[in-house]
Protein backbone atom coordinates (compact mmCIF):
# COMPACT_ATOMS: atom_id res chain seq x y z
CA UNK A 1 41.23 51.81 -5.10
CA UNK A 2 38.17 51.72 -7.35
CA UNK A 3 38.13 47.91 -7.13
CA UNK A 4 37.70 48.06 -3.36
CA UNK A 5 34.88 50.63 -3.58
CA UNK A 6 32.97 48.49 -6.08
CA UNK A 7 33.62 45.37 -4.02
CA UNK A 8 32.39 47.17 -0.88
CA UNK A 9 29.18 48.25 -2.64
CA UNK A 10 28.68 44.71 -3.95
CA UNK A 11 29.11 43.13 -0.49
CA UNK A 12 26.86 45.77 1.11
CA UNK A 13 24.16 45.09 -1.48
CA UNK A 14 24.53 41.35 -0.87
CA UNK A 15 24.14 41.82 2.87
CA UNK A 16 20.98 43.92 2.50
CA UNK A 17 19.57 41.45 -0.03
CA UNK A 18 20.09 38.38 2.15
CA UNK A 19 18.72 40.19 5.22
CA UNK A 20 15.61 41.32 3.34
CA UNK A 21 15.04 37.87 1.85
CA UNK A 22 15.33 36.25 5.29
CA UNK A 23 12.72 38.67 6.65
CA UNK A 24 10.46 37.80 3.69
CA UNK A 25 10.98 34.08 4.30
CA UNK A 26 10.14 34.45 7.99
CA UNK A 27 6.92 36.33 7.30
CA UNK A 28 5.86 33.96 4.52
CA UNK A 29 6.41 30.83 6.58
CA UNK A 30 5.70 31.92 10.16
CA UNK A 31 3.10 34.70 10.31
CA UNK A 32 -0.41 33.33 10.96
CA UNK A 33 -3.21 34.17 8.50
CA UNK A 34 -5.04 36.31 11.08
CA UNK A 35 -2.40 39.06 11.00
CA UNK A 36 -0.85 38.35 7.60
CA UNK A 37 -2.42 41.23 5.66
CA UNK A 38 -1.05 44.02 7.84
CA UNK A 39 2.39 42.50 8.26
CA UNK A 40 2.76 41.72 4.56
CA UNK A 41 1.54 45.20 3.54
CA UNK A 42 4.30 46.81 5.63
CA UNK A 43 6.92 44.31 4.50
CA UNK A 44 6.09 44.68 0.80
CA UNK A 45 6.86 48.40 0.97
CA UNK A 46 10.25 47.68 2.59
CA UNK A 47 10.91 44.88 0.10
CA UNK A 48 10.23 47.11 -2.90
CA UNK A 49 12.43 49.95 -1.67
CA UNK A 50 15.33 48.19 0.09
CA UNK A 51 15.54 44.53 -0.86
CA UNK A 52 14.80 45.01 -4.57
CA UNK A 53 17.29 47.89 -4.73
CA UNK A 54 19.86 45.67 -3.01
CA UNK A 55 19.22 42.93 -5.58
CA UNK A 56 19.79 45.43 -8.39
CA UNK A 57 22.94 46.72 -6.68
CA UNK A 58 24.29 43.20 -6.17
CA UNK A 59 23.84 42.42 -9.86
CA UNK A 60 25.18 45.78 -11.11
CA UNK A 61 28.28 45.82 -8.90
CA UNK A 62 28.85 42.09 -9.36
CA UNK A 63 28.78 42.34 -13.14
CA UNK A 64 31.01 45.41 -12.94
CA UNK A 65 33.55 43.40 -10.92
CA UNK A 66 33.38 40.51 -13.39
CA UNK A 67 33.80 42.65 -16.48
CA UNK A 68 36.44 45.01 -15.12
CA UNK A 69 38.51 42.79 -12.83
CA UNK A 70 37.72 39.05 -12.75
CA UNK A 71 36.63 37.80 -16.17
CA UNK A 72 34.24 34.98 -17.03
CA UNK A 73 36.76 32.15 -17.36
CA UNK A 74 36.87 30.91 -13.75
CA UNK A 75 34.80 27.85 -12.85
CA UNK A 76 34.05 29.07 -9.33
CA UNK A 77 32.34 32.12 -10.82
CA UNK A 78 30.01 29.98 -12.94
CA UNK A 79 29.02 27.96 -9.86
CA UNK A 80 28.52 31.18 -7.87
CA UNK A 81 26.33 32.65 -10.60
CA UNK A 82 24.12 29.55 -10.50
CA UNK A 83 23.35 30.20 -6.82
CA UNK A 84 22.96 33.94 -7.43
CA UNK A 85 20.34 33.19 -10.09
CA UNK A 86 18.62 30.81 -7.64
CA UNK A 87 18.43 33.58 -5.02
CA UNK A 88 17.18 36.11 -7.58
CA UNK A 89 14.44 33.72 -8.68
CA UNK A 90 13.49 32.99 -5.06
CA UNK A 91 13.21 36.73 -4.37
CA UNK A 92 10.83 37.10 -7.30
CA UNK A 93 8.78 34.17 -6.03
CA UNK A 94 8.70 35.70 -2.55
CA UNK A 95 7.41 38.98 -3.96
CA UNK A 96 4.71 37.21 -5.96
CA UNK A 97 3.53 35.09 -3.06
CA UNK A 98 3.48 38.02 -0.65
CA UNK A 99 1.28 39.88 -3.12
CA UNK A 100 -1.05 36.85 -3.39
CA UNK A 101 -1.06 36.26 0.37
CA UNK A 102 -1.93 39.90 1.02
CA UNK A 103 -4.93 39.55 -1.30
CA UNK A 104 -5.95 36.16 0.19
CA UNK A 105 -4.46 35.51 3.66
CA UNK A 106 -5.52 31.86 3.64
CA UNK A 107 -3.22 30.99 0.73
CA UNK A 108 -0.15 28.93 1.48
CA UNK A 109 2.86 29.17 -0.84
CA UNK A 110 4.60 26.13 -2.36
CA UNK A 111 7.34 24.33 -0.43
CA UNK A 112 10.21 26.05 -2.28
CA UNK A 113 8.98 29.45 -1.07
CA UNK A 114 8.05 28.24 2.43
CA UNK A 115 11.53 26.75 2.86
CA UNK A 116 13.16 30.05 1.95
CA UNK A 117 15.23 30.46 5.11
CA UNK A 118 17.43 27.36 4.73
CA UNK A 119 17.66 27.84 0.96
CA UNK A 120 18.85 31.44 1.42
CA UNK A 121 21.33 30.60 4.18
CA UNK A 122 22.83 27.57 2.42
CA UNK A 123 23.09 29.51 -0.85
CA UNK A 124 24.77 32.44 0.91
CA UNK A 125 27.30 30.13 2.58
CA UNK A 126 28.11 28.49 -0.76
CA UNK A 127 28.38 31.84 -2.57
CA UNK A 128 30.68 33.29 0.09
CA UNK A 129 32.79 30.15 0.13
CA UNK A 130 33.18 30.13 -3.65
CA UNK A 131 34.05 33.84 -3.73
CA UNK A 132 36.68 33.60 -1.00
CA UNK A 133 38.24 30.18 -1.59
CA UNK A 134 37.93 30.11 -5.41
CA UNK A 135 38.31 26.30 -5.41
CA UNK A 136 38.35 25.84 -9.20
């Protein structure tokens, strides 16, 4: 029973994280400089309270599942962790660039941050596929 509760909390955290990161990616890449400051100010507050907490929850519940139930020996888990680290790094880059863009609305982030939406979606599809199919 406890396994399913932890798994539920992990999946819920993942969902909130991906949703928050997609909102960040949209604002970073699509919002024009004329209204950027106000939009980013509101989004940064949401990102700090919801998305960052979801990232922490995803890591905490994910590690709990690994240590208590799965183990580190499976190859699919190593591949999944690679994409999880990629998403965690991208979230940190999003936070940094939103802070910079709020201070100077004319700044444009690097391509990796601007292309956040496809990176997030492709990574999420790969992570979900690895977790469900466990191909190796």
